Amino acid sequence: NCASVDAEVADLRWCDTLIFVYPTWWYGLPAMLKGWLDRVMLPDVAFHMPDESHPGIRPGLRHISRLGIFTTCGASWLMTQVIGAPGKRTLSRGVGLLCKPGKRTAFAAHYKMDASTPESRTRHLARVARQMDKLIGQRVPVPLPEPPQGAVAAE
């Protein structure tokens, strides 16, 4: 049932790029993002259930050719790897398998966020910018330019 998420489903069907920006909580996705995935990644939207002519689940997001995943983590890189990076895996493997084969993927994480410094955050933002450049195939200006005077800012 798409009725309660019509706008999100329409956006998902329209876009060719998905970008997730989120904080990692307990090595995984925050509840609001997990809830969004549960509500919007529906059968006949994100995937197609098996039927008589197709024995397995089929991807429904083959129009999405780029997937960006950007996060912050309280844990270190090593500890995140020991646990298995479930948040990254959910998006890169779970959502990624529903997208176009051969899609471009970008990932950047700021680890040990509790001990972050202005310098570490600056390095992380530069890493995000480089990954975005690769993802979209052109340079993203950093910092982003200010909107023209009189322009209405997006909410």
N, C-alpha and C. Protein backbone atom coordinates (compact mmCIF):
# COMPACT_ATOMS: atom_id res chain seq x y z
N ASN A 1 0.83 -1.18 0.00
CA ASN A 1 0.00 0.00 0.00
C ASN A 1 0.88 1.24 0.00
N CYS A 2 0.79 2.03 -1.05
CA CYS A 2 1.61 3.23 -1.20
C CYS A 2 0.90 4.50 -0.73
N ALA A 3 -0.36 4.42 -0.32
CA ALA A 3 -1.15 5.62 -0.06
C ALA A 3 -0.48 6.59 0.90
N SER A 4 0.08 6.11 1.99
CA SER A 4 0.67 7.02 2.98
C SER A 4 2.05 7.54 2.57
N VAL A 5 2.64 6.97 1.54
CA VAL A 5 3.98 7.39 1.11
C VAL A 5 4.00 7.71 -0.39
N ASP A 6 2.87 8.16 -0.92
CA ASP A 6 2.78 8.46 -2.36
C ASP A 6 3.89 9.38 -2.84
N ALA A 7 4.15 10.46 -2.10
CA ALA A 7 5.16 11.43 -2.53
C ALA A 7 6.55 10.80 -2.54
N GLU A 8 6.88 10.04 -1.50
CA GLU A 8 8.19 9.40 -1.43
C GLU A 8 8.35 8.36 -2.54
N VAL A 9 7.30 7.60 -2.80
CA VAL A 9 7.35 6.60 -3.87
C VAL A 9 7.51 7.28 -5.23
N ALA A 10 6.79 8.38 -5.44
CA ALA A 10 6.93 9.13 -6.70
C ALA A 10 8.36 9.64 -6.86
N ASP A 11 8.94 10.17 -5.78
CA ASP A 11 10.33 10.64 -5.83
C ASP A 11 11.28 9.49 -6.15
N LEU A 12 11.06 8.36 -5.51
CA LEU A 12 11.92 7.20 -5.72
C LEU A 12 11.83 6.70 -7.16
N ARG A 13 10.64 6.70 -7.72
CA ARG A 13 10.47 6.26 -9.11
C ARG A 13 11.05 7.27 -10.09
N TRP A 14 11.13 8.53 -9.71
CA TRP A 14 11.62 9.59 -10.59
C TRP A 14 13.15 9.67 -10.62
N CYS A 15 13.79 9.47 -9.47
CA CYS A 15 15.22 9.79 -9.35
C CYS A 15 16.12 8.76 -10.03
N ASP A 16 17.35 9.20 -10.34
CA ASP A 16 18.36 8.27 -10.85
C ASP A 16 19.52 8.13 -9.87
N THR A 17 19.44 8.84 -8.74
CA THR A 17 20.49 8.84 -7.74
C THR A 17 19.86 8.80 -6.35
N LEU A 18 20.37 7.95 -5.49
CA LEU A 18 19.96 7.93 -4.08
C LEU A 18 21.18 8.29 -3.25
N ILE A 19 21.01 9.24 -2.34
CA ILE A 19 22.10 9.63 -1.44
C ILE A 19 21.57 9.56 -0.02
N PHE A 20 22.24 8.78 0.81
CA PHE A 20 21.88 8.66 2.21
C PHE A 20 22.93 9.37 3.05
N VAL A 21 22.49 10.28 3.91
CA VAL A 21 23.37 10.99 4.85
C VAL A 21 22.75 10.78 6.22
N TYR A 22 23.48 10.14 7.12
CA TYR A 22 22.87 9.76 8.40
C TYR A 22 23.95 9.52 9.45
N PRO A 23 23.58 9.62 10.73
CA PRO A 23 24.49 9.21 11.80
C PRO A 23 24.34 7.71 12.03
N THR A 24 25.43 7.04 12.29
CA THR A 24 25.38 5.62 12.63
C THR A 24 25.15 5.50 14.13
N TRP A 25 24.13 4.73 14.51
CA TRP A 25 23.82 4.49 15.92
C TRP A 25 23.97 3.00 16.20
N TRP A 26 24.78 2.65 17.18
CA TRP A 26 24.98 1.25 17.52
C TRP A 26 25.33 0.44 16.28
N TYR A 27 26.19 0.98 15.45
CA TYR A 27 26.72 0.35 14.24
C TYR A 27 25.71 0.23 13.11
N GLY A 28 24.50 0.69 13.31
CA GLY A 28 23.47 0.52 12.29
C GLY A 28 22.79 1.82 11.92
N LEU A 29 21.72 1.67 11.17
CA LEU A 29 20.95 2.82 10.71
C LEU A 29 20.11 3.37 11.86
N PRO A 30 19.91 4.69 11.89
CA PRO A 30 18.99 5.25 12.89
C PRO A 30 17.57 4.78 12.61
N ALA A 31 16.76 4.74 13.65
CA ALA A 31 15.40 4.20 13.53
C ALA A 31 14.58 4.92 12.47
N MET A 32 14.72 6.23 12.35
CA MET A 32 13.91 6.95 11.35
C MET A 32 14.27 6.54 9.93
N LEU A 33 15.56 6.33 9.66
CA LEU A 33 15.96 5.89 8.32
C LEU A 33 15.51 4.45 8.09
N LYS A 34 15.66 3.59 9.07
CA LYS A 34 15.18 2.20 8.94
C LYS A 34 13.68 2.19 8.70
N GLY A 35 12.95 3.04 9.42
CA GLY A 35 11.50 3.12 9.23
C GLY A 35 11.14 3.61 7.84
N TRP A 36 11.92 4.57 7.31
CA TRP A 36 11.67 5.06 5.95
C TRP A 36 11.87 3.93 4.94
N LEU A 37 12.94 3.17 5.11
CA LEU A 37 13.18 2.03 4.22
C LEU A 37 12.01 1.04 4.29
N ASP A 38 11.55 0.76 5.50
CA ASP A 38 10.43 -0.18 5.68
C ASP A 38 9.16 0.32 5.01
N ARG A 39 8.90 1.62 5.07
CA ARG A 39 7.66 2.18 4.52
C ARG A 39 7.71 2.38 3.02
N VAL A 40 8.88 2.75 2.48
CA VAL A 40 8.97 3.19 1.08
C VAL A 40 9.51 2.11 0.14
N MET A 41 10.38 1.25 0.61
CA MET A 41 10.95 0.20 -0.24
C MET A 41 9.96 -0.97 -0.31
N LEU A 42 8.89 -0.74 -1.02
CA LEU A 42 7.75 -1.66 -1.07
C LEU A 42 7.82 -2.61 -2.25
N PRO A 43 7.11 -3.73 -2.16
CA PRO A 43 6.95 -4.59 -3.33
C PRO A 43 6.31 -3.80 -4.47
N ASP A 44 6.74 -4.06 -5.68
CA ASP A 44 6.30 -3.37 -6.89
C ASP A 44 6.79 -1.93 -6.96
N VAL A 45 7.62 -1.53 -6.02
CA VAL A 45 8.31 -0.23 -6.07
C VAL A 45 9.81 -0.52 -6.09
N ALA A 46 10.33 -1.01 -4.98
CA ALA A 46 11.76 -1.28 -4.87
C ALA A 46 12.14 -2.66 -5.39
N PHE A 47 11.19 -3.57 -5.37
CA PHE A 47 11.45 -4.93 -5.84
C PHE A 47 10.14 -5.57 -6.29
N HIS A 48 10.28 -6.68 -6.99
CA HIS A 48 9.12 -7.43 -7.48
C HIS A 48 9.19 -8.84 -6.92
N MET A 49 8.09 -9.27 -6.36
CA MET A 49 8.01 -10.59 -5.74
C MET A 49 8.06 -11.69 -6.81
N PRO A 50 8.47 -12.88 -6.41
CA PRO A 50 8.48 -14.00 -7.36
C PRO A 50 7.07 -14.28 -7.89
N ASP A 51 7.01 -14.74 -9.12
CA ASP A 51 5.74 -15.16 -9.69
C ASP A 51 6.00 -16.40 -10.54
N GLU A 52 5.00 -16.81 -11.30
CA GLU A 52 5.14 -18.05 -12.08
C GLU A 52 6.26 -17.98 -13.11
N SER A 53 6.50 -16.80 -13.68
CA SER A 53 7.53 -16.70 -14.71
C SER A 53 8.89 -16.25 -14.16
N HIS A 54 8.94 -15.78 -12.91
CA HIS A 54 10.19 -15.33 -12.28
C HIS A 54 10.28 -15.94 -10.89
N PRO A 55 11.16 -16.91 -10.70
CA PRO A 55 11.20 -17.63 -9.42
C PRO A 55 11.79 -16.82 -8.26
N GLY A 56 12.55 -15.77 -8.53
CA GLY A 56 13.18 -15.02 -7.45
C GLY A 56 12.70 -13.58 -7.39
N ILE A 57 13.10 -12.90 -6.33
CA ILE A 57 12.81 -11.47 -6.19
C ILE A 57 13.62 -10.72 -7.24
N ARG A 58 12.98 -9.76 -7.91
CA ARG A 58 13.64 -8.97 -8.95
C ARG A 58 13.77 -7.51 -8.51
N PRO A 59 14.88 -6.87 -8.84
CA PRO A 59 15.07 -5.46 -8.49
C PRO A 59 14.01 -4.58 -9.15
N GLY A 60 13.60 -3.55 -8.43
CA GLY A 60 12.64 -2.60 -8.98
C GLY A 60 13.20 -1.20 -9.14
N LEU A 61 14.47 -1.02 -8.77
CA LEU A 61 15.09 0.31 -8.84
C LEU A 61 16.19 0.36 -9.89
N ARG A 62 16.01 -0.34 -10.99
CA ARG A 62 17.05 -0.41 -12.02
C ARG A 62 17.30 0.92 -12.72
N HIS A 63 16.46 1.89 -12.48
CA HIS A 63 16.68 3.23 -13.04
C HIS A 63 17.66 4.04 -12.18
N ILE A 64 17.99 3.55 -11.00
CA ILE A 64 18.91 4.25 -10.10
C ILE A 64 20.33 3.79 -10.41
N SER A 65 21.11 4.71 -10.96
CA SER A 65 22.46 4.37 -11.43
C SER A 65 23.56 4.87 -10.50
N ARG A 66 23.18 5.58 -9.42
CA ARG A 66 24.18 6.09 -8.47
C ARG A 66 23.64 5.97 -7.05
N LEU A 67 24.51 5.52 -6.14
CA LEU A 67 24.14 5.34 -4.74
C LEU A 67 25.24 5.93 -3.87
N GLY A 68 24.90 6.93 -3.08
CA GLY A 68 25.84 7.57 -2.17
C GLY A 68 25.47 7.27 -0.73
N ILE A 69 26.48 6.94 0.08
CA ILE A 69 26.27 6.62 1.49
C ILE A 69 27.30 7.40 2.29
N PHE A 70 26.82 8.31 3.14
CA PHE A 70 27.70 9.17 3.93
C PHE A 70 27.22 9.17 5.37
N THR A 71 28.13 8.88 6.30
CA THR A 71 27.72 8.71 7.69
C THR A 71 28.79 9.20 8.66
N THR A 72 28.38 9.31 9.90
CA THR A 72 29.30 9.56 11.00
C THR A 72 29.14 8.41 11.98
N CYS A 73 30.24 8.05 12.64
CA CYS A 73 30.23 6.90 13.56
C CYS A 73 30.96 7.29 14.85
N GLY A 74 30.45 6.86 15.98
CA GLY A 74 31.17 7.07 17.23
C GLY A 74 32.33 6.10 17.36
N ALA A 75 32.20 4.93 16.79
CA ALA A 75 33.23 3.89 16.90
C ALA A 75 34.37 4.14 15.92
N SER A 76 35.45 3.44 16.15
CA SER A 76 36.59 3.50 15.23
C SER A 76 36.29 2.67 13.98
N TRP A 77 37.12 2.86 12.95
CA TRP A 77 36.98 2.07 11.73
C TRP A 77 37.13 0.58 12.06
N LEU A 78 38.15 0.25 12.87
CA LEU A 78 38.42 -1.15 13.19
C LEU A 78 37.23 -1.79 13.91
N MET A 79 36.71 -1.12 14.91
CA MET A 79 35.59 -1.69 15.66
C MET A 79 34.36 -1.85 14.75
N THR A 80 34.15 -0.89 13.87
CA THR A 80 33.02 -0.98 12.93
C THR A 80 33.18 -2.21 12.04
N GLN A 81 34.42 -2.48 11.59
CA GLN A 81 34.66 -3.65 10.75
C GLN A 81 34.47 -4.94 11.52
N VAL A 82 34.91 -4.97 12.78
CA VAL A 82 34.75 -6.17 13.61
C VAL A 82 33.26 -6.50 13.76
N ILE A 83 32.43 -5.49 13.95
CA ILE A 83 30.99 -5.70 14.10
C ILE A 83 30.35 -6.05 12.75
N GLY A 84 30.96 -5.62 11.66
CA GLY A 84 30.45 -5.96 10.33
C GLY A 84 29.80 -4.81 9.58
N ALA A 85 29.90 -3.60 10.10
CA ALA A 85 29.36 -2.40 9.43
C ALA A 85 27.93 -2.62 8.93
N PRO A 86 26.99 -3.00 9.82
CA PRO A 86 25.65 -3.34 9.36
C PRO A 86 24.91 -2.20 8.67
N GLY A 87 25.10 -0.96 9.09
CA GLY A 87 24.41 0.15 8.42
C GLY A 87 24.85 0.30 6.98
N LYS A 88 26.16 0.31 6.78
CA LYS A 88 26.69 0.41 5.42
C LYS A 88 26.24 -0.78 4.58
N ARG A 89 26.27 -1.97 5.17
CA ARG A 89 25.88 -3.17 4.42
C ARG A 89 24.41 -3.14 4.03
N THR A 90 23.55 -2.67 4.93
CA THR A 90 22.12 -2.60 4.61
C THR A 90 21.90 -1.75 3.37
N LEU A 91 22.58 -0.60 3.31
CA LEU A 91 22.38 0.29 2.17
C LEU A 91 23.14 -0.16 0.94
N SER A 92 24.42 -0.49 1.08
CA SER A 92 25.21 -0.83 -0.10
C SER A 92 24.82 -2.17 -0.70
N ARG A 93 24.50 -3.13 0.14
CA ARG A 93 24.12 -4.45 -0.37
C ARG A 93 22.61 -4.58 -0.51
N GLY A 94 21.88 -4.28 0.56
CA GLY A 94 20.43 -4.46 0.53
C GLY A 94 19.74 -3.56 -0.47
N VAL A 95 19.94 -2.26 -0.34
CA VAL A 95 19.35 -1.32 -1.30
C VAL A 95 20.10 -1.40 -2.62
N GLY A 96 21.42 -1.51 -2.55
CA GLY A 96 22.23 -1.54 -3.77
C GLY A 96 21.86 -2.65 -4.74
N LEU A 97 21.48 -3.80 -4.21
CA LEU A 97 21.09 -4.92 -5.09
C LEU A 97 19.79 -4.65 -5.83
N LEU A 98 19.01 -3.70 -5.36
CA LEU A 98 17.75 -3.36 -6.02
C LEU A 98 17.95 -2.34 -7.15
N CYS A 99 19.14 -1.74 -7.19
CA CYS A 99 19.44 -0.69 -8.17
C CYS A 99 20.02 -1.29 -9.46
N LYS A 100 20.35 -0.41 -10.38
CA LYS A 100 20.90 -0.80 -11.67
C LYS A 100 22.22 -1.55 -11.49
N PRO A 101 22.39 -2.69 -12.15
CA PRO A 101 23.70 -3.37 -12.10
C PRO A 101 24.78 -2.43 -12.65
N GLY A 102 25.93 -2.43 -12.02
CA GLY A 102 27.02 -1.57 -12.47
C GLY A 102 26.88 -0.13 -12.02
N LYS A 103 25.96 0.14 -11.10
CA LYS A 103 25.76 1.51 -10.62
C LYS A 103 27.05 2.04 -10.00
N ARG A 104 27.19 3.36 -9.98
CA ARG A 104 28.29 3.99 -9.26
C ARG A 104 27.91 4.05 -7.79
N THR A 105 28.88 3.80 -6.93
CA THR A 105 28.65 3.86 -5.49
C THR A 105 29.72 4.70 -4.84
N ALA A 106 29.32 5.52 -3.88
CA ALA A 106 30.25 6.33 -3.11
C ALA A 106 29.97 6.12 -1.63
N PHE A 107 31.04 6.10 -0.83
CA PHE A 107 30.89 5.94 0.61
C PHE A 107 31.95 6.76 1.31
N ALA A 108 31.57 7.40 2.41
CA ALA A 108 32.53 8.06 3.29
C ALA A 108 31.95 8.06 4.69
N ALA A 109 32.80 7.79 5.67
CA ALA A 109 32.38 7.80 7.07
C ALA A 109 33.40 8.59 7.89
N HIS A 110 32.89 9.34 8.84
CA HIS A 110 33.75 10.01 9.81
C HIS A 110 33.68 9.15 11.07
N TYR A 111 34.75 8.41 11.34
CA TYR A 111 34.81 7.53 12.49
C TYR A 111 35.28 8.30 13.72
N LYS A 112 35.04 7.72 14.90
CA LYS A 112 35.44 8.31 16.19
C LYS A 112 34.91 9.74 16.30
N MET A 113 33.66 9.90 15.97
CA MET A 113 33.03 11.22 15.95
C MET A 113 33.09 11.89 17.32
N ASP A 114 33.05 11.11 18.39
CA ASP A 114 33.09 11.68 19.74
C ASP A 114 34.39 12.43 20.00
N ALA A 115 35.44 12.08 19.28
CA ALA A 115 36.74 12.74 19.44
C ALA A 115 37.07 13.60 18.22
N SER A 116 36.06 13.96 17.45
CA SER A 116 36.33 14.73 16.23
C SER A 116 36.83 16.13 16.57
N THR A 117 37.53 16.69 15.62
CA THR A 117 38.08 18.04 15.74
C THR A 117 37.66 18.82 14.50
N PRO A 118 37.81 20.13 14.53
CA PRO A 118 37.53 20.87 13.30
C PRO A 118 38.34 20.35 12.12
N GLU A 119 39.58 19.93 12.37
CA GLU A 119 40.42 19.42 11.29
C GLU A 119 39.90 18.08 10.76
N SER A 120 39.48 17.19 11.67
CA SER A 120 38.97 15.89 11.21
C SER A 120 37.67 16.07 10.44
N ARG A 121 36.83 17.01 10.87
CA ARG A 121 35.58 17.26 10.14
C ARG A 121 35.86 17.88 8.77
N THR A 122 36.84 18.75 8.70
CA THR A 122 37.22 19.35 7.41
C THR A 122 37.73 18.26 6.46
N ARG A 123 38.57 17.34 6.97
CA ARG A 123 39.05 16.23 6.14
C ARG A 123 37.90 15.35 5.67
N HIS A 124 36.95 15.10 6.57
CA HIS A 124 35.79 14.28 6.20
C HIS A 124 34.98 14.96 5.11
N LEU A 125 34.72 16.24 5.25
CA LEU A 125 33.94 16.95 4.22
C LEU A 125 34.68 16.95 2.88
N ALA A 126 36.00 17.06 2.91
CA ALA A 126 36.77 16.98 1.66
C ALA A 126 36.65 15.59 1.05
N ARG A 127 36.66 14.55 1.89
CA ARG A 127 36.49 13.17 1.42
C ARG A 127 35.09 12.99 0.81
N VAL A 128 34.07 13.54 1.47
CA VAL A 128 32.71 13.48 0.93
C VAL A 128 32.66 14.17 -0.43
N ALA A 129 33.29 15.33 -0.54
CA ALA A 129 33.29 16.06 -1.81
C ALA A 129 33.96 15.25 -2.92
N ARG A 130 35.09 14.60 -2.60
CA ARG A 130 35.76 13.77 -3.62
C ARG A 130 34.88 12.60 -4.04
N GLN A 131 34.23 11.98 -3.08
CA GLN A 131 33.33 10.87 -3.40
C GLN A 131 32.14 11.34 -4.23
N MET A 132 31.61 12.51 -3.91
CA MET A 132 30.49 13.06 -4.69
C MET A 132 30.95 13.39 -6.11
N ASP A 133 32.16 13.93 -6.25
CA ASP A 133 32.69 14.21 -7.59
C ASP A 133 32.69 12.93 -8.43
N LYS A 134 33.17 11.83 -7.83
CA LYS A 134 33.19 10.55 -8.55
C LYS A 134 31.78 10.06 -8.83
N LEU A 135 30.90 10.24 -7.86
CA LEU A 135 29.54 9.72 -7.99
C LEU A 135 28.78 10.40 -9.12
N ILE A 136 28.85 11.72 -9.17
CA ILE A 136 28.05 12.42 -10.18
C ILE A 136 28.83 12.73 -11.45
N GLY A 137 30.14 12.50 -11.42
CA GLY A 137 30.93 12.67 -12.63
C GLY A 137 31.33 14.09 -12.94
N GLN A 138 31.24 14.96 -11.95
CA GLN A 138 31.74 16.33 -12.12
C GLN A 138 32.11 16.87 -10.75
N ARG A 139 32.88 17.95 -10.76
CA ARG A 139 33.37 18.51 -9.51
C ARG A 139 32.26 19.25 -8.77
N VAL A 140 32.16 18.97 -7.47
CA VAL A 140 31.23 19.67 -6.59
C VAL A 140 32.03 20.74 -5.86
N PRO A 141 31.63 22.02 -5.95
CA PRO A 141 32.38 23.06 -5.26
C PRO A 141 32.25 22.92 -3.74
N VAL A 142 33.37 23.06 -3.04
CA VAL A 142 33.37 23.02 -1.58
C VAL A 142 34.11 24.23 -1.09
N PRO A 143 33.57 25.04 -0.18
CA PRO A 143 32.21 24.89 0.31
C PRO A 143 31.21 25.22 -0.79
N LEU A 144 29.98 24.74 -0.60
CA LEU A 144 28.94 25.01 -1.58
C LEU A 144 28.72 26.51 -1.68
N PRO A 145 28.48 27.01 -2.89
CA PRO A 145 28.27 28.45 -3.04
C PRO A 145 26.99 28.88 -2.34
N GLU A 146 26.99 30.14 -1.89
CA GLU A 146 25.79 30.72 -1.28
C GLU A 146 24.73 30.89 -2.35
N PRO A 147 23.45 30.72 -1.98
CA PRO A 147 22.39 30.96 -2.98
C PRO A 147 22.38 32.42 -3.38
N PRO A 148 21.93 32.73 -4.60
CA PRO A 148 21.86 34.12 -5.03
C PRO A 148 21.00 34.93 -4.08
N GLN A 149 21.33 36.20 -3.94
CA GLN A 149 20.58 37.07 -3.04
C GLN A 149 19.11 37.10 -3.46
N GLY A 150 18.23 36.94 -2.50
CA GLY A 150 16.81 36.93 -2.79
C GLY A 150 16.25 35.55 -3.07
N ALA A 151 17.13 34.55 -3.22
CA ALA A 151 16.66 33.18 -3.47
C ALA A 151 16.09 32.60 -2.19
N VAL A 152 15.11 31.78 -2.32
CA VAL A 152 14.50 31.12 -1.17
C VAL A 152 15.28 29.85 -0.88
N ALA A 153 15.72 29.70 0.36
CA ALA A 153 16.48 28.50 0.74
C ALA A 153 15.54 27.31 0.85
N ALA A 154 16.04 26.15 0.46
CA ALA A 154 15.26 24.91 0.58
C ALA A 154 15.10 24.57 2.05
N GLU A 155 13.96 24.03 2.41
CA GLU A 155 13.72 23.67 3.82
C GLU A 155 14.04 22.24 4.07
